[in-house]
Amino acid sequence: MEISVAMVRELRQMTGAGVLECKNVLVETNGDLKKAVEKLRERGVAKAAKKAGREVHDGLIGHYIHAGSRIAALVEVNCETDFVARTDEFQDFAHDLAMQVVASKPQYVTIDDVPAEIVDREKAVYRKQMENAGKPAHILDRIVEGKLRKFYEQVCLLEQPFIKDDGKNVDMLLTEMIAKLGENIVIKRYARFEVGE
């Protein structure tokens, strides 16, 4: 199948990948756009994993003040160079994260930030809720783990569904940005302010 310029352009707009990379993936997938997007996403995850250990000493503070000026957020997002920090994509990403914090009220950045005693308390609550369900122990464990995943989606910024696209979570968005910008990016911390809170 012949790969047209329009197909390459469409894939590039969907993924942000380079022209040559888009063309090569479309050739590999015989012009199947869905498969091409999936392949690029997989490659992006692999690229992001390689960059994960690199030092981040630059970045910026993303901010968002909601209409009415009663709720606001600041988010520190770090990257490797000031060159990337000055790009529109990086600045938009930091702004979107601040909007996410305002909208979703996370309590922690990552799952690792959740104190062990809180995780233990949540597990105990879920087990207590399922006490009289009459389920075998291994099924109960899976139910508790499922409820714990839902808990993380509520309280951990990286696990929350992204407010602009609930088909992905913030961690997926972060991985895409790392692949797109070619540098390690870390969401360091945030602060959420609400009048009267």
Foldseek 3Di string as FASTA:
>chain_A
DDDDPVLLVVLCVVQVDDSVLSVVLCVVVVNDSVSSNVVVLVVLLVLQVVQQVDDWDAADWAKDQDPVRFKMKIWTKTWHDVVLNPDPVRNVLNPLLRVLCRPQVAAEAAPVPDDPVVLVVQLVVQCVVCVPVPDDPVVSVVVSVVVSLVVCCRHHQQNDQRPVGSVHGNVSVQSSSCSNSVIHMDGDDMDMGGPPD
